[in-house]
Amino acid sequence: MRIDGITPLLQSMLADTRTRDGFALPAAVASAAATTAEAPPSTPPPVVPTSATSVQMMVALAAVDPVSERRRKIAEDADRGLTLLERLRDDLAHGAAPPERVQELATWAEAFVVPDDAVVTPEFAKVARDLEVRVRVELAKLDLNA
């Protein structure tokens, strides 16, 4: 069996194994490994992560803006509330809403915090307040307090 593309690091590890454990490669394999090392590899060797990569990753993580991250989470939460409200509307249009859906909407209304204008734009804060009021009105129609 012939193995192409043995890197110098792997060759040195094999050499260390031969001397430590008494393992010896057959002469044909050893000469094939030597000729492969002299020939340029057909594919580039894999890139091994270095400490510079780790530092770059840490810098990238530190560069994440906490305000924009908070805005994203608020937007996701508001979108979830809107989706639940739309599902409730669809369920009521087809008859009655399942109790699980109503309970899920009530849970969302209890947990939702209207964002302040310092984190989001005033327009988004107004939309979030309107959404919360609409959810509470729909829950009141169903005689649930949230």
N, C-alpha and C. Protein backbone atom coordinates (compact mmCIF):
# COMPACT_ATOMS: atom_id res chain seq x y z
N MET A 1 0.84 -1.17 0.00
CA MET A 1 0.00 0.00 0.00
C MET A 1 0.89 1.23 0.00
N ARG A 2 0.59 2.15 -0.88
CA ARG A 2 1.39 3.36 -0.98
C ARG A 2 0.57 4.55 -0.50
N ILE A 3 1.17 5.39 0.31
CA ILE A 3 0.51 6.57 0.85
C ILE A 3 1.21 7.78 0.26
N ASP A 4 0.45 8.58 -0.48
CA ASP A 4 1.01 9.80 -1.06
C ASP A 4 0.72 10.98 -0.16
N GLY A 5 1.56 12.00 -0.25
CA GLY A 5 1.32 13.25 0.45
C GLY A 5 1.65 13.21 1.92
N ILE A 6 2.66 12.45 2.32
CA ILE A 6 3.05 12.43 3.72
C ILE A 6 3.80 13.72 4.01
N THR A 7 3.31 14.45 4.98
CA THR A 7 3.94 15.73 5.33
C THR A 7 5.20 15.49 6.14
N PRO A 8 6.09 16.46 6.16
CA PRO A 8 7.31 16.30 6.96
C PRO A 8 7.00 16.06 8.44
N LEU A 9 5.94 16.68 8.96
CA LEU A 9 5.57 16.48 10.35
C LEU A 9 5.20 15.02 10.60
N LEU A 10 4.42 14.46 9.69
CA LEU A 10 4.03 13.06 9.83
C LEU A 10 5.24 12.14 9.70
N GLN A 11 6.17 12.48 8.80
CA GLN A 11 7.39 11.68 8.66
C GLN A 11 8.19 11.68 9.95
N SER A 12 8.30 12.85 10.58
CA SER A 12 9.08 12.90 11.82
C SER A 12 8.38 12.12 12.92
N MET A 13 7.03 12.15 12.93
CA MET A 13 6.30 11.36 13.92
C MET A 13 6.51 9.87 13.69
N LEU A 14 6.51 9.47 12.41
CA LEU A 14 6.76 8.06 12.09
C LEU A 14 8.18 7.67 12.49
N ALA A 15 9.13 8.57 12.28
CA ALA A 15 10.51 8.28 12.65
C ALA A 15 10.63 8.13 14.16
N ASP A 16 9.94 8.99 14.92
CA ASP A 16 9.97 8.88 16.37
C ASP A 16 9.35 7.56 16.82
N THR A 17 8.29 7.14 16.17
CA THR A 17 7.63 5.89 16.52
C THR A 17 8.54 4.71 16.27
N ARG A 18 9.29 4.78 15.17
CA ARG A 18 10.19 3.67 14.85
C ARG A 18 11.26 3.53 15.92
N THR A 19 11.78 4.63 16.41
CA THR A 19 12.89 4.54 17.37
C THR A 19 12.40 4.22 18.77
N ARG A 20 11.24 4.71 19.15
CA ARG A 20 10.76 4.49 20.51
C ARG A 20 10.21 3.09 20.71
N ASP A 21 9.35 2.65 19.82
CA ASP A 21 8.62 1.41 20.03
C ASP A 21 9.24 0.21 19.33
N GLY A 22 10.33 0.39 18.68
CA GLY A 22 10.94 -0.70 17.97
C GLY A 22 10.24 -1.00 16.66
N PHE A 23 9.37 -0.15 16.22
CA PHE A 23 8.64 -0.32 14.97
C PHE A 23 9.55 0.08 13.82
N ALA A 24 9.62 -0.75 12.81
CA ALA A 24 10.46 -0.44 11.66
C ALA A 24 9.66 -0.60 10.39
N LEU A 25 9.73 0.39 9.54
CA LEU A 25 9.06 0.31 8.26
C LEU A 25 9.86 -0.56 7.31
N PRO A 26 9.20 -1.31 6.44
CA PRO A 26 9.95 -2.03 5.43
C PRO A 26 10.70 -1.04 4.55
N ALA A 27 11.75 -1.48 3.97
CA ALA A 27 12.61 -0.60 3.19
C ALA A 27 11.86 0.03 2.03
N ALA A 28 10.94 -0.71 1.39
CA ALA A 28 10.19 -0.17 0.26
C ALA A 28 9.29 0.98 0.70
N VAL A 29 8.67 0.83 1.86
CA VAL A 29 7.77 1.87 2.36
C VAL A 29 8.59 3.08 2.79
N ALA A 30 9.70 2.85 3.43
CA ALA A 30 10.55 3.96 3.88
C ALA A 30 11.08 4.74 2.68
N SER A 31 11.49 4.04 1.61
CA SER A 31 12.00 4.75 0.44
C SER A 31 10.87 5.48 -0.28
N ALA A 32 9.66 4.88 -0.30
CA ALA A 32 8.52 5.56 -0.92
C ALA A 32 8.17 6.83 -0.16
N ALA A 33 8.27 6.77 1.16
CA ALA A 33 7.99 7.96 1.98
C ALA A 33 9.04 9.02 1.73
N ALA A 34 10.27 8.62 1.55
CA ALA A 34 11.34 9.59 1.29
C ALA A 34 11.16 10.25 -0.06
N THR A 35 10.78 9.48 -1.09
CA THR A 35 10.59 10.09 -2.41
C THR A 35 9.37 10.99 -2.43
N THR A 36 8.35 10.64 -1.67
CA THR A 36 7.15 11.48 -1.60
C THR A 36 7.47 12.80 -0.94
N ALA A 37 8.34 12.76 0.07
CA ALA A 37 8.69 13.98 0.77
C ALA A 37 9.47 14.92 -0.14
N GLU A 38 10.26 14.36 -1.06
CA GLU A 38 11.06 15.20 -1.95
C GLU A 38 10.19 15.80 -3.06
N ALA A 39 9.17 15.08 -3.50
CA ALA A 39 8.30 15.58 -4.56
C ALA A 39 7.32 16.59 -3.98
N PRO A 40 6.99 17.61 -4.76
CA PRO A 40 6.02 18.58 -4.24
C PRO A 40 4.64 17.93 -4.13
N PRO A 41 3.92 18.22 -3.08
CA PRO A 41 2.61 17.59 -2.90
C PRO A 41 1.64 18.09 -3.95
N SER A 42 0.74 17.19 -4.37
CA SER A 42 -0.23 17.57 -5.40
C SER A 42 -1.34 18.45 -4.82
N THR A 43 -1.63 18.29 -3.56
CA THR A 43 -2.62 19.14 -2.91
C THR A 43 -1.95 19.86 -1.75
N PRO A 44 -2.38 21.06 -1.46
CA PRO A 44 -1.76 21.77 -0.35
C PRO A 44 -2.10 21.08 0.97
N PRO A 45 -1.19 21.13 1.92
CA PRO A 45 -1.45 20.50 3.20
C PRO A 45 -2.58 21.24 3.92
N PRO A 46 -3.29 20.53 4.80
CA PRO A 46 -4.38 21.19 5.51
C PRO A 46 -3.85 22.29 6.42
N VAL A 47 -4.65 23.32 6.58
CA VAL A 47 -4.27 24.44 7.43
C VAL A 47 -4.59 24.09 8.87
N VAL A 48 -3.58 24.21 9.72
CA VAL A 48 -3.74 23.92 11.13
C VAL A 48 -4.02 25.24 11.84
N PRO A 49 -5.08 25.32 12.67
CA PRO A 49 -5.36 26.57 13.36
C PRO A 49 -4.19 26.97 14.25
N THR A 50 -3.89 28.21 14.22
CA THR A 50 -2.80 28.72 15.05
C THR A 50 -3.36 29.65 16.09
N SER A 51 -2.50 30.13 16.95
CA SER A 51 -2.97 31.05 17.98
C SER A 51 -3.45 32.35 17.37
N ALA A 52 -2.92 32.73 16.21
CA ALA A 52 -3.39 33.94 15.55
C ALA A 52 -4.86 33.80 15.15
N THR A 53 -5.25 32.61 14.72
CA THR A 53 -6.65 32.38 14.37
C THR A 53 -7.53 32.53 15.61
N SER A 54 -7.07 32.00 16.72
CA SER A 54 -7.83 32.11 17.96
C SER A 54 -7.96 33.56 18.39
N VAL A 55 -6.91 34.32 18.26
CA VAL A 55 -6.95 35.73 18.62
C VAL A 55 -7.90 36.48 17.70
N GLN A 56 -7.86 36.16 16.40
CA GLN A 56 -8.77 36.80 15.47
C GLN A 56 -10.22 36.48 15.81
N MET A 57 -10.48 35.25 16.21
CA MET A 57 -11.83 34.87 16.57
C MET A 57 -12.28 35.63 17.82
N MET A 58 -11.41 35.79 18.78
CA MET A 58 -11.75 36.52 20.00
C MET A 58 -12.02 37.99 19.70
N VAL A 59 -11.25 38.57 18.80
CA VAL A 59 -11.46 39.96 18.42
C VAL A 59 -12.81 40.11 17.72
N ALA A 60 -13.14 39.16 16.86
CA ALA A 60 -14.42 39.21 16.16
C ALA A 60 -15.59 39.09 17.14
N LEU A 61 -15.46 38.23 18.13
CA LEU A 61 -16.52 38.10 19.14
C LEU A 61 -16.65 39.37 19.97
N ALA A 62 -15.53 40.00 20.26
CA ALA A 62 -15.57 41.23 21.04
C ALA A 62 -16.16 42.38 20.24
N ALA A 63 -16.10 42.29 18.92
CA ALA A 63 -16.59 43.37 18.08
C ALA A 63 -18.11 43.36 17.93
N VAL A 64 -18.77 42.30 18.40
CA VAL A 64 -20.22 42.23 18.30
C VAL A 64 -20.81 43.35 19.16
N ASP A 65 -21.65 44.14 18.56
CA ASP A 65 -22.25 45.29 19.23
C ASP A 65 -23.39 44.81 20.13
N PRO A 66 -23.30 45.01 21.45
CA PRO A 66 -24.36 44.51 22.33
C PRO A 66 -25.71 45.19 22.08
N VAL A 67 -25.69 46.45 21.64
CA VAL A 67 -26.96 47.14 21.37
C VAL A 67 -27.65 46.52 20.16
N SER A 68 -26.89 46.24 19.11
CA SER A 68 -27.50 45.64 17.93
C SER A 68 -27.97 44.22 18.22
N GLU A 69 -27.25 43.51 19.07
CA GLU A 69 -27.67 42.17 19.47
C GLU A 69 -28.98 42.23 20.26
N ARG A 70 -29.08 43.22 21.13
CA ARG A 70 -30.31 43.38 21.92
C ARG A 70 -31.47 43.77 21.01
N ARG A 71 -31.22 44.63 20.04
CA ARG A 71 -32.26 45.00 19.08
C ARG A 71 -32.76 43.78 18.31
N ARG A 72 -31.81 42.93 17.92
CA ARG A 72 -32.18 41.73 17.17
C ARG A 72 -33.08 40.82 18.02
N LYS A 73 -32.73 40.65 19.28
CA LYS A 73 -33.53 39.79 20.17
C LYS A 73 -34.92 40.39 20.41
N ILE A 74 -34.99 41.71 20.56
CA ILE A 74 -36.29 42.36 20.75
C ILE A 74 -37.14 42.18 19.50
N ALA A 75 -36.52 42.34 18.34
CA ALA A 75 -37.26 42.18 17.08
C ALA A 75 -37.76 40.74 16.93
N GLU A 76 -36.95 39.76 17.29
CA GLU A 76 -37.38 38.37 17.22
C GLU A 76 -38.54 38.10 18.16
N ASP A 77 -38.48 38.67 19.37
CA ASP A 77 -39.55 38.47 20.34
C ASP A 77 -40.84 39.13 19.85
N ALA A 78 -40.76 40.33 19.30
CA ALA A 78 -41.94 41.00 18.76
C ALA A 78 -42.51 40.22 17.58
N ASP A 79 -41.64 39.69 16.75
CA ASP A 79 -42.10 38.89 15.61
C ASP A 79 -42.81 37.63 16.08
N ARG A 80 -42.32 37.03 17.13
CA ARG A 80 -42.98 35.84 17.69
C ARG A 80 -44.37 36.21 18.18
N GLY A 81 -44.52 37.35 18.86
CA GLY A 81 -45.82 37.79 19.33
C GLY A 81 -46.78 38.05 18.17
N LEU A 82 -46.27 38.68 17.12
CA LEU A 82 -47.10 38.95 15.95
C LEU A 82 -47.55 37.65 15.28
N THR A 83 -46.64 36.69 15.20
CA THR A 83 -46.98 35.39 14.62
C THR A 83 -48.06 34.69 15.44
N LEU A 84 -47.93 34.73 16.76
CA LEU A 84 -48.95 34.12 17.62
C LEU A 84 -50.29 34.81 17.47
N LEU A 85 -50.27 36.13 17.35
CA LEU A 85 -51.51 36.89 17.17
C LEU A 85 -52.17 36.54 15.84
N GLU A 86 -51.37 36.39 14.79
CA GLU A 86 -51.93 36.01 13.48
C GLU A 86 -52.52 34.60 13.52
N ARG A 87 -51.85 33.70 14.21
CA ARG A 87 -52.39 32.32 14.33
C ARG A 87 -53.71 32.32 15.09
N LEU A 88 -53.77 33.15 16.14
CA LEU A 88 -55.02 33.25 16.90
C LEU A 88 -56.14 33.78 16.00
N ARG A 89 -55.84 34.78 15.21
CA ARG A 89 -56.83 35.33 14.29
C ARG A 89 -57.33 34.25 13.32
N ASP A 90 -56.38 33.49 12.76
CA ASP A 90 -56.76 32.42 11.82
C ASP A 90 -57.62 31.35 12.51
N ASP A 91 -57.25 31.00 13.74
CA ASP A 91 -58.03 29.99 14.47
C ASP A 91 -59.44 30.50 14.76
N LEU A 92 -59.54 31.76 15.14
CA LEU A 92 -60.87 32.32 15.44
C LEU A 92 -61.71 32.44 14.17
N ALA A 93 -61.08 32.67 13.04
CA ALA A 93 -61.80 32.74 11.77
C ALA A 93 -62.37 31.38 11.37
N HIS A 94 -61.73 30.31 11.84
CA HIS A 94 -62.19 28.96 11.52
C HIS A 94 -63.05 28.37 12.63
N GLY A 95 -63.41 29.13 13.60
CA GLY A 95 -64.25 28.61 14.68
C GLY A 95 -63.75 29.09 16.03
N ALA A 96 -62.99 28.25 16.69
CA ALA A 96 -62.49 28.57 18.03
C ALA A 96 -60.99 28.33 18.09
N ALA A 97 -60.35 29.06 18.97
CA ALA A 97 -58.90 28.91 19.14
C ALA A 97 -58.61 27.79 20.13
N PRO A 98 -57.61 26.97 19.84
CA PRO A 98 -57.24 25.93 20.80
C PRO A 98 -56.71 26.57 22.09
N PRO A 99 -56.99 25.97 23.22
CA PRO A 99 -56.52 26.54 24.49
C PRO A 99 -55.00 26.68 24.56
N GLU A 100 -54.28 25.77 23.89
CA GLU A 100 -52.82 25.86 23.91
C GLU A 100 -52.34 27.14 23.24
N ARG A 101 -52.99 27.51 22.15
CA ARG A 101 -52.61 28.72 21.42
C ARG A 101 -52.86 29.96 22.28
N VAL A 102 -54.01 29.97 22.94
CA VAL A 102 -54.36 31.11 23.79
C VAL A 102 -53.39 31.21 24.97
N GLN A 103 -53.06 30.06 25.55
CA GLN A 103 -52.12 30.05 26.67
C GLN A 103 -50.73 30.50 26.23
N GLU A 104 -50.32 30.08 25.04
CA GLU A 104 -49.01 30.49 24.52
C GLU A 104 -48.96 32.00 24.32
N LEU A 105 -50.04 32.57 23.82
CA LEU A 105 -50.11 34.02 23.62
C LEU A 105 -50.11 34.75 24.97
N ALA A 106 -50.82 34.20 25.95
CA ALA A 106 -50.84 34.81 27.29
C ALA A 106 -49.45 34.76 27.92
N THR A 107 -48.74 33.66 27.73
CA THR A 107 -47.38 33.55 28.25
C THR A 107 -46.46 34.56 27.59
N TRP A 108 -46.63 34.74 26.28
CA TRP A 108 -45.81 35.73 25.57
C TRP A 108 -46.10 37.13 26.11
N ALA A 109 -47.38 37.46 26.32
CA ALA A 109 -47.74 38.79 26.80
C ALA A 109 -47.18 39.06 28.19
N GLU A 110 -47.14 38.05 29.03
CA GLU A 110 -46.58 38.22 30.37
C GLU A 110 -45.07 38.46 30.32
N ALA A 111 -44.38 37.79 29.40
CA ALA A 111 -42.93 37.89 29.34
C ALA A 111 -42.43 39.07 28.51
N PHE A 112 -43.27 39.60 27.62
CA PHE A 112 -42.83 40.65 26.71
C PHE A 112 -42.62 41.96 27.46
N VAL A 113 -41.49 42.57 27.22
CA VAL A 113 -41.17 43.87 27.81
C VAL A 113 -41.05 44.86 26.66
N VAL A 114 -41.84 45.92 26.74
CA VAL A 114 -41.79 46.93 25.69
C VAL A 114 -40.43 47.61 25.77
N PRO A 115 -39.69 47.64 24.65
CA PRO A 115 -38.35 48.22 24.69
C PRO A 115 -38.40 49.74 24.86
N ASP A 116 -37.36 50.27 25.48
CA ASP A 116 -37.29 51.72 25.61
C ASP A 116 -36.68 52.33 24.35
N ASP A 117 -36.89 53.62 24.18
CA ASP A 117 -36.45 54.30 22.97
C ASP A 117 -34.93 54.39 22.87
N ALA A 118 -34.21 54.15 23.97
CA ALA A 118 -32.75 54.23 23.93
C ALA A 118 -32.15 53.05 23.17
N VAL A 119 -32.85 51.93 23.17
CA VAL A 119 -32.32 50.73 22.51
C VAL A 119 -32.79 50.63 21.07
N VAL A 120 -34.06 50.94 20.84
CA VAL A 120 -34.63 50.82 19.50
C VAL A 120 -35.11 52.19 19.04
N THR A 121 -35.49 52.27 17.79
CA THR A 121 -36.00 53.53 17.26
C THR A 121 -37.37 53.82 17.88
N PRO A 122 -37.76 55.07 17.96
CA PRO A 122 -39.08 55.39 18.52
C PRO A 122 -40.22 54.74 17.74
N GLU A 123 -40.04 54.60 16.44
CA GLU A 123 -41.08 53.97 15.63
C GLU A 123 -41.27 52.50 16.01
N PHE A 124 -40.14 51.81 16.20
CA PHE A 124 -40.23 50.40 16.57
C PHE A 124 -40.83 50.25 17.96
N ALA A 125 -40.46 51.13 18.89
CA ALA A 125 -41.03 51.08 20.24
C ALA A 125 -42.54 51.27 20.19
N LYS A 126 -43.02 52.17 19.34
CA LYS A 126 -44.46 52.40 19.21
C LYS A 126 -45.15 51.16 18.65
N VAL A 127 -44.55 50.54 17.64
CA VAL A 127 -45.14 49.32 17.07
C VAL A 127 -45.18 48.22 18.12
N ALA A 128 -44.12 48.10 18.92
CA ALA A 128 -44.08 47.07 19.97
C ALA A 128 -45.16 47.32 21.02
N ARG A 129 -45.36 48.60 21.40
CA ARG A 129 -46.42 48.92 22.36
C ARG A 129 -47.80 48.60 21.77
N ASP A 130 -48.00 48.95 20.49
CA ASP A 130 -49.27 48.64 19.83
C ASP A 130 -49.52 47.14 19.77
N LEU A 131 -48.47 46.38 19.51
CA LEU A 131 -48.60 44.92 19.45
C LEU A 131 -48.99 44.36 20.80
N GLU A 132 -48.35 44.86 21.85
CA GLU A 132 -48.67 44.37 23.19
C GLU A 132 -50.12 44.71 23.55
N VAL A 133 -50.57 45.92 23.23
CA VAL A 133 -51.96 46.31 23.51
C VAL A 133 -52.93 45.41 22.74
N ARG A 134 -52.63 45.16 21.47
CA ARG A 134 -53.51 44.32 20.65
C ARG A 134 -53.62 42.91 21.23
N VAL A 135 -52.50 42.36 21.68
CA VAL A 135 -52.51 41.02 22.27
C VAL A 135 -53.35 41.02 23.54
N ARG A 136 -53.18 42.02 24.37
CA ARG A 136 -53.94 42.08 25.62
C ARG A 136 -55.44 42.26 25.35
N VAL A 137 -55.79 43.02 24.31
CA VAL A 137 -57.20 43.17 23.94
C VAL A 137 -57.79 41.84 23.50
N GLU A 138 -57.06 41.11 22.68
CA GLU A 138 -57.55 39.81 22.22
C GLU A 138 -57.68 38.84 23.37
N LEU A 139 -56.75 38.86 24.31
CA LEU A 139 -56.85 37.98 25.48
C LEU A 139 -58.03 38.39 26.36
N ALA A 140 -58.29 39.70 26.45
CA ALA A 140 -59.44 40.18 27.23
C ALA A 140 -60.75 39.73 26.60
N LYS A 141 -60.79 39.72 25.28
CA LYS A 141 -62.00 39.23 24.58
C LYS A 141 -62.26 37.77 24.93
N LEU A 142 -61.19 37.03 25.15
CA LEU A 142 -61.32 35.61 25.50
C LEU A 142 -61.38 35.40 27.01
N ASP A 143 -61.53 36.51 27.76
CA ASP A 143 -61.62 36.48 29.24
C ASP A 143 -60.38 35.91 29.90
N LEU A 144 -59.23 36.28 29.38
CA LEU A 144 -57.97 35.89 30.01
C LEU A 144 -57.22 37.16 30.38
N ASN A 145 -56.63 37.14 31.53
CA ASN A 145 -55.81 38.29 31.95
C ASN A 145 -54.35 37.95 31.74
N ALA A 146 -53.65 38.87 31.13
CA ALA A 146 -52.23 38.65 30.90
C ALA A 146 -51.45 39.81 31.49
